[in-house]
Each structure stands twice: as C-alpha cells, then as structure tokens.
All heavy atoms as atom14 arrays in JSON, in Angstrom:
{
  "sequence": "LVLLFVPIGMVISYSFFDNVIVTDNPAWVGMANYSAILSDTVFA",
  "atom14_mask": [
    [1, 1, 1, 1, 1, 1, 1, 1, 0, 0, 0, 0, 0, 0],
    [1, 1, 1, 1, 1, 1, 1, 0, 0, 0, 0, 0, 0, 0],
    [1, 1, 1, 1, 1, 1, 1, 1, 0, 0, 0, 0, 0, 0],
    [1, 1, 1, 1, 1, 1, 1, 1, 0, 0, 0, 0, 0, 0],
    [1, 1, 1, 1, 1, 1, 1, 1, 1, 1, 1, 0, 0, 0],
    [1, 1, 1, 1, 1, 1, 1, 0, 0, 0, 0, 0, 0, 0],
    [1, 1, 1, 1, 1, 1, 1, 0, 0, 0, 0, 0, 0, 0],
    [1, 1, 1, 1, 1, 1, 1, 1, 0, 0, 0, 0, 0, 0],
    [1, 1, 1, 1, 0, 0, 0, 0, 0, 0, 0, 0, 0, 0],
    [1, 1, 1, 1, 1, 1, 1, 1, 0, 0, 0, 0, 0, 0],
    [1, 1, 1, 1, 1, 1, 1, 0, 0, 0, 0, 0, 0, 0],
    [1, 1, 1, 1, 1, 1, 1, 1, 0, 0, 0, 0, 0, 0],
    [1, 1, 1, 1, 1, 1, 0, 0, 0, 0, 0, 0, 0, 0],
    [1, 1, 1, 1, 1, 1, 1, 1, 1, 1, 1, 1, 0, 0],
    [1, 1, 1, 1, 1, 1, 0, 0, 0, 0, 0, 0, 0, 0],
    [1, 1, 1, 1, 1, 1, 1, 1, 1, 1, 1, 0, 0, 0],
    [1, 1, 1, 1, 1, 1, 1, 1, 1, 1, 1, 0, 0, 0],
    [1, 1, 1, 1, 1, 1, 1, 1, 0, 0, 0, 0, 0, 0],
    [1, 1, 1, 1, 1, 1, 1, 1, 0, 0, 0, 0, 0, 0],
    [1, 1, 1, 1, 1, 1, 1, 0, 0, 0, 0, 0, 0, 0],
    [1, 1, 1, 1, 1, 1, 1, 1, 0, 0, 0, 0, 0, 0],
    [1, 1, 1, 1, 1, 1, 1, 0, 0, 0, 0, 0, 0, 0],
    [1, 1, 1, 1, 1, 1, 1, 0, 0, 0, 0, 0, 0, 0],
    [1, 1, 1, 1, 1, 1, 1, 1, 0, 0, 0, 0, 0, 0],
    [1, 1, 1, 1, 1, 1, 1, 1, 0, 0, 0, 0, 0, 0],
    [1, 1, 1, 1, 1, 1, 1, 0, 0, 0, 0, 0, 0, 0],
    [1, 1, 1, 1, 1, 0, 0, 0, 0, 0, 0, 0, 0, 0],
    [1, 1, 1, 1, 1, 1, 1, 1, 1, 1, 1, 1, 1, 1],
    [1, 1, 1, 1, 1, 1, 1, 0, 0, 0, 0, 0, 0, 0],
    [1, 1, 1, 1, 0, 0, 0, 0, 0, 0, 0, 0, 0, 0],
    [1, 1, 1, 1, 1, 1, 1, 1, 0, 0, 0, 0, 0, 0],
    [1, 1, 1, 1, 1, 0, 0, 0, 0, 0, 0, 0, 0, 0],
    [1, 1, 1, 1, 1, 1, 1, 1, 0, 0, 0, 0, 0, 0],
    [1, 1, 1, 1, 1, 1, 1, 1, 1, 1, 1, 1, 0, 0],
    [1, 1, 1, 1, 1, 1, 0, 0, 0, 0, 0, 0, 0, 0],
    [1, 1, 1, 1, 1, 0, 0, 0, 0, 0, 0, 0, 0, 0],
    [1, 1, 1, 1, 1, 1, 1, 1, 0, 0, 0, 0, 0, 0],
    [1, 1, 1, 1, 1, 1, 1, 1, 0, 0, 0, 0, 0, 0],
    [1, 1, 1, 1, 1, 1, 0, 0, 0, 0, 0, 0, 0, 0],
    [1, 1, 1, 1, 1, 1, 1, 1, 0, 0, 0, 0, 0, 0],
    [1, 1, 1, 1, 1, 1, 1, 0, 0, 0, 0, 0, 0, 0],
    [1, 1, 1, 1, 1, 1, 1, 0, 0, 0, 0, 0, 0, 0],
    [1, 1, 1, 1, 1, 1, 1, 1, 1, 1, 1, 0, 0, 0],
    [1, 1, 1, 1, 1, 0, 0, 0, 0, 0, 0, 0, 0, 0]
  ],
  "atom14_positions": [
    [[0.82, -1.21, -0.05], [0.02, 0.0, -0.02], [0.84, 1.29, 0.04], [0.62, 2.14, -0.78], [-0.97, -0.02, 1.26], [-1.88, 1.18, 1.35], [-2.85, 1.23, 0.23], [-2.59, 1.12, 2.68], [0.0, 0.0, 0.0], [0.0, 0.0, 0.0], [0.0, 0.0, 0.0], [0.0, 0.0, 0.0], [0.0, 0.0, 0.0], [0.0, 0.0, 0.0]],
    [[1.92, 1.28, 0.89], [2.69, 2.43, 1.06], [3.71, 2.64, -0.13], [3.89, 3.76, -0.65], [3.49, 2.4, 2.4], [4.45, 3.54, 2.48], [2.48, 2.45, 3.51], [0.0, 0.0, 0.0], [0.0, 0.0, 0.0], [0.0, 0.0, 0.0], [0.0, 0.0, 0.0], [0.0, 0.0, 0.0], [0.0, 0.0, 0.0], [0.0, 0.0, 0.0]],
    [[4.3, 1.58, -0.59], [5.34, 1.69, -1.59], [4.89, 1.48, -3.05], [5.66, 1.75, -3.98], [6.5, 0.64, -1.28], [7.1, 0.77, 0.09], [8.2, -0.3, 0.26], [7.76, 2.16, 0.23], [0.0, 0.0, 0.0], [0.0, 0.0, 0.0], [0.0, 0.0, 0.0], [0.0, 0.0, 0.0], [0.0, 0.0, 0.0], [0.0, 0.0, 0.0]],
    [[3.66, 0.96, -3.23], [3.23, 0.68, -4.57], [1.96, 1.42, -4.93], [1.92, 2.24, -5.86], [3.02, -0.83, -4.76], [2.58, -1.27, -6.16], [3.68, -0.97, -7.19], [2.27, -2.78, -6.13], [0.0, 0.0, 0.0], [0.0, 0.0, 0.0], [0.0, 0.0, 0.0], [0.0, 0.0, 0.0], [0.0, 0.0, 0.0], [0.0, 0.0, 0.0]],
    [[0.85, 1.17, -4.2], [-0.43, 1.7, -4.57], [-0.5, 3.22, -4.32], [-1.13, 3.94, -5.12], [-1.55, 0.94, -3.88], [-1.61, -0.5, -4.28], [-1.3, -1.53, -3.4], [-2.04, -0.82, -5.53], [-1.41, -2.82, -3.78], [-2.17, -2.13, -5.95], [-1.86, -3.16, -5.06], [0.0, 0.0, 0.0], [0.0, 0.0, 0.0], [0.0, 0.0, 0.0]],
    [[0.04, 3.67, -3.25], [0.03, 5.08, -2.93], [0.76, 5.9, -4.02], [0.32, 6.89, -4.53], [0.53, 5.39, -1.53], [0.71, 6.92, -1.36], [-0.44, 4.89, -0.48], [0.0, 0.0, 0.0], [0.0, 0.0, 0.0], [0.0, 0.0, 0.0], [0.0, 0.0, 0.0], [0.0, 0.0, 0.0], [0.0, 0.0, 0.0], [0.0, 0.0, 0.0]],
    [[2.06, 5.5, -4.31], [2.74, 6.24, -5.39], [1.99, 6.19, -6.75], [1.99, 7.19, -7.51], [4.08, 5.52, -5.49], [4.27, 4.91, -4.14], [2.95, 4.55, -3.7], [0.0, 0.0, 0.0], [0.0, 0.0, 0.0], [0.0, 0.0, 0.0], [0.0, 0.0, 0.0], [0.0, 0.0, 0.0], [0.0, 0.0, 0.0], [0.0, 0.0, 0.0]],
    [[1.48, 5.03, -7.09], [0.69, 4.92, -8.37], [-0.45, 5.9, -8.35], [-0.75, 6.65, -9.33], [0.24, 3.5, -8.56], [1.47, 2.61, -8.95], [-0.81, 3.46, -9.73], [1.12, 1.12, -9.06], [0.0, 0.0, 0.0], [0.0, 0.0, 0.0], [0.0, 0.0, 0.0], [0.0, 0.0, 0.0], [0.0, 0.0, 0.0], [0.0, 0.0, 0.0]],
    [[-1.22, 5.89, -7.23], [-2.35, 6.86, -7.12], [-1.88, 8.33, -7.23], [-2.57, 9.1, -7.85], [0.0, 0.0, 0.0], [0.0, 0.0, 0.0], [0.0, 0.0, 0.0], [0.0, 0.0, 0.0], [0.0, 0.0, 0.0], [0.0, 0.0, 0.0], [0.0, 0.0, 0.0], [0.0, 0.0, 0.0], [0.0, 0.0, 0.0], [0.0, 0.0, 0.0]],
    [[-0.71, 8.62, -6.63], [-0.24, 10.0, -6.69], [0.15, 10.34, -8.17], [-0.16, 11.47, -8.6], [0.97, 10.18, -5.81], [0.68, 10.05, -4.31], [2.17, 10.06, -3.28], [2.79, 11.73, -3.63], [0.0, 0.0, 0.0], [0.0, 0.0, 0.0], [0.0, 0.0, 0.0], [0.0, 0.0, 0.0], [0.0, 0.0, 0.0], [0.0, 0.0, 0.0]],
    [[0.81, 9.39, -8.84], [1.22, 9.69, -10.27], [-0.03, 9.91, -11.09], [-0.08, 10.81, -12.0], [2.07, 8.57, -10.77], [2.29, 8.65, -12.29], [3.41, 8.56, -10.11], [0.0, 0.0, 0.0], [0.0, 0.0, 0.0], [0.0, 0.0, 0.0], [0.0, 0.0, 0.0], [0.0, 0.0, 0.0], [0.0, 0.0, 0.0], [0.0, 0.0, 0.0]],
    [[-1.08, 9.08, -10.95], [-2.31, 9.19, -11.73], [-2.93, 10.55, -11.47], [-3.39, 11.22, -12.34], [-3.29, 8.07, -11.41], [-2.71, 6.7, -11.87], [-4.63, 8.32, -12.01], [-3.53, 5.5, -11.46], [0.0, 0.0, 0.0], [0.0, 0.0, 0.0], [0.0, 0.0, 0.0], [0.0, 0.0, 0.0], [0.0, 0.0, 0.0], [0.0, 0.0, 0.0]],
    [[-2.97, 10.96, -10.17], [-3.56, 12.28, -9.8], [-2.75, 13.39, -10.37], [-3.32, 14.44, -10.89], [-3.7, 12.43, -8.28], [-2.46, 12.43, -7.68], [0.0, 0.0, 0.0], [0.0, 0.0, 0.0], [0.0, 0.0, 0.0], [0.0, 0.0, 0.0], [0.0, 0.0, 0.0], [0.0, 0.0, 0.0], [0.0, 0.0, 0.0], [0.0, 0.0, 0.0]],
    [[-1.35, 13.29, -10.38], [-0.54, 14.31, -10.96], [-0.8, 14.59, -12.44], [-0.7, 15.67, -12.92], [0.95, 14.01, -10.77], [1.43, 14.1, -9.43], [2.7, 13.51, -9.04], [0.78, 14.77, -8.37], [3.17, 13.61, -7.76], [1.27, 14.89, -7.07], [2.47, 14.28, -6.78], [2.95, 14.37, -5.51], [0.0, 0.0, 0.0], [0.0, 0.0, 0.0]],
    [[-1.21, 13.51, -13.16], [-1.36, 13.62, -14.58], [-2.55, 14.47, -14.97], [-2.7, 14.89, -16.1], [-1.53, 12.2, -15.15], [-2.8, 11.63, -14.77], [0.0, 0.0, 0.0], [0.0, 0.0, 0.0], [0.0, 0.0, 0.0], [0.0, 0.0, 0.0], [0.0, 0.0, 0.0], [0.0, 0.0, 0.0], [0.0, 0.0, 0.0], [0.0, 0.0, 0.0]],
    [[-3.47, 14.83, -13.98], [-4.58, 15.67, -14.26], [-4.36, 17.13, -13.84], [-5.31, 17.87, -13.93], [-5.81, 15.1, -13.61], [-6.25, 13.79, -14.1], [-6.01, 12.66, -13.37], [-6.82, 13.6, -15.38], [-6.38, 11.35, -13.8], [-7.2, 12.38, -15.89], [-7.01, 11.26, -15.07], [0.0, 0.0, 0.0], [0.0, 0.0, 0.0], [0.0, 0.0, 0.0]],
    [[-3.16, 17.41, -13.38], [-2.86, 18.77, -12.9], [-1.73, 19.33, -13.74], [-1.05, 18.64, -14.45], [-2.52, 18.78, -11.44], [-3.66, 18.56, -10.53], [-4.07, 17.27, -10.22], [-4.39, 19.62, -10.0], [-5.09, 17.03, -9.32], [-5.43, 19.38, -9.12], [-5.8, 18.12, -8.81], [0.0, 0.0, 0.0], [0.0, 0.0, 0.0], [0.0, 0.0, 0.0]],
    [[-1.49, 20.65, -13.6], [-0.35, 21.27, -14.26], [0.56, 21.9, -13.2], [0.14, 22.38, -12.2], [-0.9, 22.43, -15.16], [0.23, 22.96, -16.08], [1.24, 22.26, -16.26], [0.11, 24.09, -16.53], [0.0, 0.0, 0.0], [0.0, 0.0, 0.0], [0.0, 0.0, 0.0], [0.0, 0.0, 0.0], [0.0, 0.0, 0.0], [0.0, 0.0, 0.0]],
    [[1.87, 21.79, -13.52], [2.93, 22.37, -12.61], [2.9, 21.7, -11.25], [3.06, 22.4, -10.2], [2.7, 23.86, -12.46], [2.91, 24.66, -13.77], [3.77, 24.27, -14.55], [2.18, 25.66, -13.94], [0.0, 0.0, 0.0], [0.0, 0.0, 0.0], [0.0, 0.0, 0.0], [0.0, 0.0, 0.0], [0.0, 0.0, 0.0], [0.0, 0.0, 0.0]],
    [[2.66, 20.41, -11.23], [2.69, 19.68, -9.94], [4.14, 19.63, -9.4], [5.09, 19.75, -10.16], [2.15, 18.26, -10.08], [0.66, 18.29, -10.41], [2.92, 17.45, -11.11], [0.0, 0.0, 0.0], [0.0, 0.0, 0.0], [0.0, 0.0, 0.0], [0.0, 0.0, 0.0], [0.0, 0.0, 0.0], [0.0, 0.0, 0.0], [0.0, 0.0, 0.0]],
    [[4.27, 19.56, -8.04], [5.49, 19.51, -7.37], [6.27, 20.88, -7.36], [6.75, 21.3, -6.32], [6.44, 18.39, -7.9], [5.78, 17.02, -7.67], [7.76, 18.43, -7.18], [6.56, 15.83, -8.21], [0.0, 0.0, 0.0], [0.0, 0.0, 0.0], [0.0, 0.0, 0.0], [0.0, 0.0, 0.0], [0.0, 0.0, 0.0], [0.0, 0.0, 0.0]],
    [[6.35, 21.51, -8.5], [7.11, 22.69, -8.58], [6.33, 23.97, -8.06], [6.88, 25.02, -7.83], [7.55, 22.98, -10.01], [8.54, 21.93, -10.48], [6.39, 23.13, -10.98], [0.0, 0.0, 0.0], [0.0, 0.0, 0.0], [0.0, 0.0, 0.0], [0.0, 0.0, 0.0], [0.0, 0.0, 0.0], [0.0, 0.0, 0.0], [0.0, 0.0, 0.0]],
    [[5.0, 23.81, -7.94], [4.18, 24.89, -7.37], [3.32, 24.34, -6.2], [3.06, 23.14, -6.17], [3.28, 25.5, -8.47], [2.39, 24.47, -8.94], [4.1, 26.13, -9.56], [0.0, 0.0, 0.0], [0.0, 0.0, 0.0], [0.0, 0.0, 0.0], [0.0, 0.0, 0.0], [0.0, 0.0, 0.0], [0.0, 0.0, 0.0], [0.0, 0.0, 0.0]],
    [[2.91, 25.26, -5.29], [2.13, 24.81, -4.19], [0.67, 24.55, -4.6], [0.02, 23.73, -3.97], [2.18, 25.92, -3.11], [3.57, 26.05, -2.49], [4.25, 25.0, -2.47], [3.87, 27.16, -1.98], [0.0, 0.0, 0.0], [0.0, 0.0, 0.0], [0.0, 0.0, 0.0], [0.0, 0.0, 0.0], [0.0, 0.0, 0.0], [0.0, 0.0, 0.0]],
    [[0.2, 25.33, -5.56], [-1.22, 25.14, -5.97], [-1.31, 24.78, -7.45], [-1.52, 25.7, -8.24], [-1.99, 26.46, -5.64], [-1.96, 26.77, -4.22], [-2.34, 26.02, -3.35], [-1.55, 27.99, -3.87], [0.0, 0.0, 0.0], [0.0, 0.0, 0.0], [0.0, 0.0, 0.0], [0.0, 0.0, 0.0], [0.0, 0.0, 0.0], [0.0, 0.0, 0.0]],
    [[-1.14, 23.56, -7.81], [-1.24, 23.14, -9.23], [-2.66, 23.31, -9.76], [-3.62, 23.11, -8.99], [-0.78, 21.72, -9.2], [-1.01, 21.26, -7.85], [-0.76, 22.4, -6.93], [0.0, 0.0, 0.0], [0.0, 0.0, 0.0], [0.0, 0.0, 0.0], [0.0, 0.0, 0.0], [0.0, 0.0, 0.0], [0.0, 0.0, 0.0], [0.0, 0.0, 0.0]],
    [[-2.78, 23.63, -10.96], [-4.03, 23.91, -11.61], [-4.6, 22.59, -12.22], [-3.86, 21.81, -12.84], [-4.0, 25.0, -12.61], [0.0, 0.0, 0.0], [0.0, 0.0, 0.0], [0.0, 0.0, 0.0], [0.0, 0.0, 0.0], [0.0, 0.0, 0.0], [0.0, 0.0, 0.0], [0.0, 0.0, 0.0], [0.0, 0.0, 0.0], [0.0, 0.0, 0.0]],
    [[-5.91, 22.39, -12.05], [-6.53, 21.2, -12.72], [-6.69, 21.44, -14.15], [-7.17, 22.42, -14.64], [-7.93, 20.96, -12.11], [-8.7, 19.94, -12.75], [-9.61, 20.14, -13.82], [-8.78, 18.57, -12.51], [-10.22, 18.94, -14.19], [-9.68, 17.93, -13.38], [-8.09, 17.72, -11.56], [-9.93, 16.55, -13.43], [-8.36, 16.32, -11.61], [-9.32, 15.77, -12.51]],
    [[-6.19, 20.53, -14.94], [-6.19, 20.67, -16.42], [-6.91, 19.44, -17.12], [-6.97, 19.42, -18.34], [-4.8, 20.81, -16.99], [-4.18, 22.13, -16.56], [-3.91, 19.61, -16.68], [0.0, 0.0, 0.0], [0.0, 0.0, 0.0], [0.0, 0.0, 0.0], [0.0, 0.0, 0.0], [0.0, 0.0, 0.0], [0.0, 0.0, 0.0], [0.0, 0.0, 0.0]],
    [[-7.38, 18.49, -16.36], [-8.09, 17.37, -16.92], [-7.16, 16.56, -17.84], [-6.12, 16.04, -17.42], [0.0, 0.0, 0.0], [0.0, 0.0, 0.0], [0.0, 0.0, 0.0], [0.0, 0.0, 0.0], [0.0, 0.0, 0.0], [0.0, 0.0, 0.0], [0.0, 0.0, 0.0], [0.0, 0.0, 0.0], [0.0, 0.0, 0.0], [0.0, 0.0, 0.0]],
    [[-7.63, 16.37, -19.08], [-6.85, 15.43, -20.0], [-5.84, 16.21, -20.84], [-5.34, 15.71, -21.82], [-7.89, 14.78, -20.92], [-8.92, 13.9, -20.19], [-8.16, 12.54, -19.28], [-7.58, 11.51, -20.66], [0.0, 0.0, 0.0], [0.0, 0.0, 0.0], [0.0, 0.0, 0.0], [0.0, 0.0, 0.0], [0.0, 0.0, 0.0], [0.0, 0.0, 0.0]],
    [[-5.57, 17.51, -20.47], [-4.7, 18.26, -21.3], [-3.21, 17.67, -21.38], [-2.63, 17.76, -22.46], [-4.6, 19.7, -20.74], [0.0, 0.0, 0.0], [0.0, 0.0, 0.0], [0.0, 0.0, 0.0], [0.0, 0.0, 0.0], [0.0, 0.0, 0.0], [0.0, 0.0, 0.0], [0.0, 0.0, 0.0], [0.0, 0.0, 0.0], [0.0, 0.0, 0.0]],
    [[-2.84, 17.09, -20.29], [-1.49, 16.51, -20.24], [-1.4, 15.31, -21.23], [-0.37, 15.07, -21.99], [-1.02, 16.06, -18.89], [-0.79, 17.24, -18.0], [-0.11, 18.2, -18.36], [-1.26, 17.13, -16.78], [0.0, 0.0, 0.0], [0.0, 0.0, 0.0], [0.0, 0.0, 0.0], [0.0, 0.0, 0.0], [0.0, 0.0, 0.0], [0.0, 0.0, 0.0]],
    [[-2.51, 14.5, -21.26], [-2.55, 13.36, -22.23], [-2.58, 13.8, -23.63], [-1.94, 13.24, -24.52], [-3.73, 12.46, -21.85], [-3.61, 11.79, -20.52], [-4.2, 12.34, -19.36], [-2.93, 10.58, -20.43], [-4.11, 11.72, -18.11], [-2.89, 9.94, -19.14], [-3.42, 10.56, -18.06], [-3.32, 9.93, -16.81], [0.0, 0.0, 0.0], [0.0, 0.0, 0.0]],
    [[-3.28, 14.88, -23.93], [-3.32, 15.44, -25.28], [-1.98, 15.95, -25.69], [-1.58, 15.72, -26.83], [-4.34, 16.58, -25.37], [-5.66, 16.12, -25.02], [0.0, 0.0, 0.0], [0.0, 0.0, 0.0], [0.0, 0.0, 0.0], [0.0, 0.0, 0.0], [0.0, 0.0, 0.0], [0.0, 0.0, 0.0], [0.0, 0.0, 0.0], [0.0, 0.0, 0.0]],
    [[-1.25, 16.62, -24.76], [0.04, 17.14, -25.1], [1.01, 15.99, -25.32], [1.89, 16.08, -26.29], [0.58, 17.99, -23.97], [0.0, 0.0, 0.0], [0.0, 0.0, 0.0], [0.0, 0.0, 0.0], [0.0, 0.0, 0.0], [0.0, 0.0, 0.0], [0.0, 0.0, 0.0], [0.0, 0.0, 0.0], [0.0, 0.0, 0.0], [0.0, 0.0, 0.0]],
    [[0.91, 14.93, -24.53], [1.78, 13.79, -24.69], [1.58, 13.09, -26.07], [2.48, 12.8, -26.82], [1.59, 12.77, -23.55], [2.26, 13.27, -22.27], [2.15, 11.4, -23.91], [3.79, 13.36, -22.31], [0.0, 0.0, 0.0], [0.0, 0.0, 0.0], [0.0, 0.0, 0.0], [0.0, 0.0, 0.0], [0.0, 0.0, 0.0], [0.0, 0.0, 0.0]],
    [[0.32, 12.84, -26.36], [-0.02, 12.1, -27.58], [0.27, 12.91, -28.85], [0.37, 12.33, -29.95], [-1.48, 11.65, -27.56], [-1.86, 10.67, -26.43], [-3.34, 10.43, -26.46], [-1.09, 9.36, -26.66], [0.0, 0.0, 0.0], [0.0, 0.0, 0.0], [0.0, 0.0, 0.0], [0.0, 0.0, 0.0], [0.0, 0.0, 0.0], [0.0, 0.0, 0.0]],
    [[0.38, 14.2, -28.76], [0.69, 15.07, -29.92], [2.19, 15.41, -29.93], [2.62, 16.08, -30.93], [-0.14, 16.35, -29.82], [0.11, 17.11, -28.68], [0.0, 0.0, 0.0], [0.0, 0.0, 0.0], [0.0, 0.0, 0.0], [0.0, 0.0, 0.0], [0.0, 0.0, 0.0], [0.0, 0.0, 0.0], [0.0, 0.0, 0.0], [0.0, 0.0, 0.0]],
    [[2.96, 14.92, -29.0], [4.39, 15.23, -28.97], [5.12, 14.26, -29.91], [5.0, 12.98, -29.79], [4.91, 14.95, -27.51], [6.36, 15.44, -27.37], [7.02, 15.72, -28.41], [6.87, 15.54, -26.24], [0.0, 0.0, 0.0], [0.0, 0.0, 0.0], [0.0, 0.0, 0.0], [0.0, 0.0, 0.0], [0.0, 0.0, 0.0], [0.0, 0.0, 0.0]],
    [[5.86, 14.81, -30.92], [6.55, 13.96, -31.89], [7.65, 13.11, -31.23], [7.94, 12.0, -31.66], [7.16, 14.8, -32.94], [8.0, 15.78, -32.38], [6.09, 15.51, -33.8], [0.0, 0.0, 0.0], [0.0, 0.0, 0.0], [0.0, 0.0, 0.0], [0.0, 0.0, 0.0], [0.0, 0.0, 0.0], [0.0, 0.0, 0.0], [0.0, 0.0, 0.0]],
    [[8.28, 13.64, -30.17], [9.28, 12.84, -29.45], [8.69, 11.64, -28.77], [9.22, 10.54, -28.82], [10.04, 13.75, -28.49], [11.13, 12.9, -27.7], [10.71, 14.89, -29.15], [0.0, 0.0, 0.0], [0.0, 0.0, 0.0], [0.0, 0.0, 0.0], [0.0, 0.0, 0.0], [0.0, 0.0, 0.0], [0.0, 0.0, 0.0], [0.0, 0.0, 0.0]],
    [[7.53, 11.8, -28.18], [6.81, 10.67, -27.59], [6.42, 9.67, -28.61], [6.49, 8.44, -28.39], [5.58, 11.21, -26.79], [4.86, 10.1, -26.01], [5.45, 9.49, -24.9], [3.58, 9.68, -26.38], [4.81, 8.47, -24.27], [2.94, 8.65, -25.69], [3.57, 8.06, -24.66], [0.0, 0.0, 0.0], [0.0, 0.0, 0.0], [0.0, 0.0, 0.0]],
    [[5.92, 10.1, -29.76], [5.6, 9.21, -30.83], [6.75, 8.45, -31.29], [6.71, 7.21, -31.52], [4.99, 9.99, -31.98], [0.0, 0.0, 0.0], [0.0, 0.0, 0.0], [0.0, 0.0, 0.0], [0.0, 0.0, 0.0], [0.0, 0.0, 0.0], [0.0, 0.0, 0.0], [0.0, 0.0, 0.0], [0.0, 0.0, 0.0], [0.0, 0.0, 0.0]]
  ]
}
C-alpha cells in the first residue's frame, strides 16, 4: 500500500494537474497533459 499503490495513485492524480511539485497550488487541467503527450513527436 505504502510503496506501490500510494505512489501509483499520486502519479495518476498528478497527470490531471499542471505544474505539480514545482508549485504549491497546481491547476486542474483534466486530459490536457494526455493530449500534449499524444501530440508530442518525441513521444511518438
């Protein structure tokens, strides 16, 4: 729970925000990060 499921849950939650970790109040962006990733030529 502590070493696997909690980190996975945190990463999933981070994917729906912007500027996580580097700012105190990250903004909710929904699926915007996934859209940016899927449209990135380097990721492709």
